C-alpha atoms as a PDB file:
ATOM      1  CA  MET A   1      -2.495   4.354 -16.716  1.00  0.00           C
ATOM      2  CA  VAL A   2      -3.785   2.419 -13.711  1.00  0.00           C
ATOM      3  CA  ALA A   3      -3.371  -1.125 -15.095  1.00  0.00           C
ATOM      4  CA  TRP A   4       0.092  -1.606 -13.570  1.00  0.00           C
ATOM      5  CA  LEU A   5      -1.273  -0.868 -10.077  1.00  0.00           C
ATOM      6  CA  LEU A   6      -4.281  -3.218 -10.109  1.00  0.00           C
ATOM      7  CA  GLY A   7      -3.993  -6.480  -8.221  1.00  0.00           C
ATOM      8  CA  ARG A   8      -2.253  -7.723  -5.100  1.00  0.00           C
ATOM      9  CA  TRP A   9       0.942  -6.271  -3.641  1.00  0.00           C
ATOM     10  CA  GLU A  10       2.964  -8.071  -0.970  1.00  0.00           C
ATOM     11  CA  LEU A  11       5.036  -6.519   1.831  1.00  0.00           C
ATOM     12  CA  LYS A  12       8.681  -7.303   1.051  1.00  0.00           C
ATOM     13  CA  PHE A  13      10.511  -5.105   3.560  1.00  0.00           C
ATOM     14  CA  ASP A  14       9.477  -3.120   6.610  1.00  0.00           C
ATOM     15  CA  PRO A  15      12.141  -1.362   8.706  1.00  0.00           C
ATOM     16  CA  ASP A  16       9.949  -1.958  11.772  1.00  0.00           C
ATOM     17  CA  GLY A  17       9.864  -5.719  11.111  1.00  0.00           C
ATOM     18  CA  SER A  18       6.091  -5.937  10.600  1.00  0.00           C
ATOM     19  CA  GLU A  19       4.653  -9.268   9.510  1.00  0.00           C
ATOM     20  CA  LYS A  20       3.931  -9.762   5.823  1.00  0.00           C
ATOM     21  CA  ASP A  21       0.649  -8.238   4.723  1.00  0.00           C
ATOM     22  CA  PHE A  22      -0.933  -7.384   1.397  1.00  0.00           C
ATOM     23  CA  LEU A  23      -2.543  -4.470  -0.394  1.00  0.00           C
ATOM     24  CA  GLU A  24      -5.047  -5.171  -3.128  1.00  0.00           C
ATOM     25  CA  PHE A  25      -5.806  -2.347  -5.557  1.00  0.00           C
ATOM     26  CA  ASN A  26      -9.097  -2.579  -7.455  1.00  0.00           C
ATOM     27  CA  THR A  27     -10.727  -0.463 -10.144  1.00  0.00           C
ATOM     28  CA  GLY A  28     -12.762   2.496  -8.983  1.00  0.00           C
ATOM     29  CA  GLY A  29     -10.201   3.726  -6.441  1.00  0.00           C
ATOM     30  CA  GLN A  30     -10.695   0.960  -3.844  1.00  0.00           C
ATOM     31  CA  VAL A  31      -7.764  -0.565  -1.958  1.00  0.00           C
ATOM     32  CA  ILE A  32      -7.953  -3.409   0.567  1.00  0.00           C
ATOM     33  CA  SER A  33      -5.367  -3.957   3.283  1.00  0.00           C
ATOM     34  CA  ILE A  34      -5.114  -7.650   4.203  1.00  0.00           C
ATOM     35  CA  SER A  35      -3.411  -8.488   7.504  1.00  0.00           C
ATOM     36  CA  PRO A  36      -1.299 -11.623   8.116  1.00  0.00           C
ATOM     37  CA  THR A  37      -4.359 -13.179   9.805  1.00  0.00           C
ATOM     38  CA  GLY A  38      -6.599 -12.378   6.825  1.00  0.00           C
ATOM     39  CA  ARG A  39      -8.440  -9.435   8.402  1.00  0.00           C
ATOM     40  CA  GLN A  40      -9.415  -6.912   5.739  1.00  0.00           C
ATOM     41  CA  MET A  41      -9.796  -3.153   5.858  1.00  0.00           C
ATOM     42  CA  THR A  42     -11.151  -1.258   2.857  1.00  0.00           C
ATOM     43  CA  GLY A  43      -9.841   2.143   1.872  1.00  0.00           C
ATOM     44  CA  ILE A  44      -9.427   4.384  -1.129  1.00  0.00           C
ATOM     45  CA  TYR A  45      -6.533   5.355  -3.361  1.00  0.00           C
ATOM     46  CA  ALA A  46      -5.853   8.195  -5.759  1.00  0.00           C
ATOM     47  CA  PHE A  47      -2.999   9.181  -8.038  1.00  0.00           C
ATOM     48  CA  LYS A  48      -1.192  12.300  -6.892  1.00  0.00           C
ATOM     49  CA  GLU A  49       1.836  14.095  -8.313  1.00  0.00           C
ATOM     50  CA  GLU A  50       4.120  12.494  -5.716  1.00  0.00           C
ATOM     51  CA  GLY A  51       2.700   8.948  -5.988  1.00  0.00           C
ATOM     52  CA  VAL A  52      -0.298   6.842  -5.034  1.00  0.00           C
ATOM     53  CA  LYS A  53      -2.139   8.136  -1.965  1.00  0.00           C
ATOM     54  CA  THR A  54      -3.913   5.505   0.142  1.00  0.00           C
ATOM     55  CA  SER A  55      -6.373   6.353   2.922  1.00  0.00           C
ATOM     56  CA  PHE A  56      -8.028   4.072   5.474  1.00  0.00           C
ATOM     57  CA  VAL A  57     -10.455   4.775   8.319  1.00  0.00           C
ATOM     58  CA  LEU A  58      -9.542   2.769  11.422  1.00  0.00           C
ATOM     59  CA  PRO A  59     -12.225   1.191  13.639  1.00  0.00           C
ATOM     60  CA  ASN A  60     -11.753   4.056  16.140  1.00  0.00           C
ATOM     61  CA  GLY A  61     -12.658   6.554  13.388  1.00  0.00           C
ATOM     62  CA  LYS A  62      -9.132   7.880  12.897  1.00  0.00           C
ATOM     63  CA  MET A  63      -8.010   8.232   9.264  1.00  0.00           C
ATOM     64  CA  ILE A  64      -4.540   7.184   8.173  1.00  0.00           C
ATOM     65  CA  SER A  65      -3.070   8.145   4.818  1.00  0.00           C
ATOM     66  CA  ALA A  66       0.194   7.363   3.089  1.00  0.00           C
ATOM     67  CA  ILE A  67       1.912   8.200  -0.167  1.00  0.00           C
ATOM     68  CA  MET A  68       3.359   5.196  -1.969  1.00  0.00           C
ATOM     69  CA  ILE A  69       6.016   6.001  -4.560  1.00  0.00           C
ATOM     70  CA  PRO A  70       6.242   3.594  -7.502  1.00  0.00           C
ATOM     71  CA  SER A  71       9.664   2.427  -8.682  1.00  0.00           C
ATOM     72  CA  ASP A  72      10.648   3.371 -12.228  1.00  0.00           C
ATOM     73  CA  ASN A  73       9.658  -0.084 -13.516  1.00  0.00           C
ATOM     74  CA  LYS A  74       6.438   0.001 -11.422  1.00  0.00           C
ATOM     75  CA  ARG A  75       7.231  -3.344  -9.757  1.00  0.00           C
ATOM     76  CA  GLU A  76       7.596  -1.849  -6.278  1.00  0.00           C
ATOM     77  CA  LEU A  77       5.727   0.659  -4.151  1.00  0.00           C
ATOM     78  CA  ARG A  78       7.776   2.457  -1.500  1.00  0.00           C
ATOM     79  CA  MET A  79       6.400   4.248   1.513  1.00  0.00           C
ATOM     80  CA  LYS A  80       8.699   6.384   3.655  1.00  0.00           C
ATOM     81  CA  ASN A  81       8.703   5.443   7.328  1.00  0.00           C
ATOM     82  CA  SER A  82       8.519   8.708   9.283  1.00  0.00           C
ATOM     83  CA  PRO A  83      10.455   7.744  12.430  1.00  0.00           C
ATOM     84  CA  THR A  84      13.388   6.037  10.663  1.00  0.00           C
ATOM     85  CA  GLY A  85      13.414   7.676   7.226  1.00  0.00           C
ATOM     86  CA  GLN A  86      13.704   4.202   5.698  1.00  0.00           C
ATOM     87  CA  PHE A  87      11.239   2.825   3.168  1.00  0.00           C
ATOM     88  CA  THR A  88       8.624   0.107   3.555  1.00  0.00           C
ATOM     89  CA  ILE A  89       8.558  -1.784   0.251  1.00  0.00           C
ATOM     90  CA  TYR A  90       5.680  -3.626  -1.415  1.00  0.00           C
ATOM     91  CA  ALA A  91       6.180  -5.700  -4.568  1.00  0.00           C
ATOM     92  CA  LYS A  92       3.588  -6.921  -7.042  1.00  0.00           C
ATOM     93  CA  ALA A  93       2.525 -10.417  -5.940  1.00  0.00           C
ATOM     94  CA  LYS A  94       2.782 -13.289  -8.389  1.00  0.00           C
ATOM     95  CA  PRO A  95      -0.646 -14.305  -9.785  1.00  0.00           C
END
């Protein structure tokens, strides 16, 4: 069930125009956010009814969580952007 999610996902579209970053999903519920400069932040993920929930604790101690909705073919993860209502889209990176 989780095999399609494992590996690296690349930011393909962000309505806010953010620089390309990556999410790397590993076994055991660990996800790593990799910034354009290579800085890494480790978080957790879990499957929920509505999608894949990711959670990260920022350096200031604040937790951020998001629900990422997989496309039907599981090649994209979409996260709704609250202010605009548009979707940020990640696609499975080529190996």
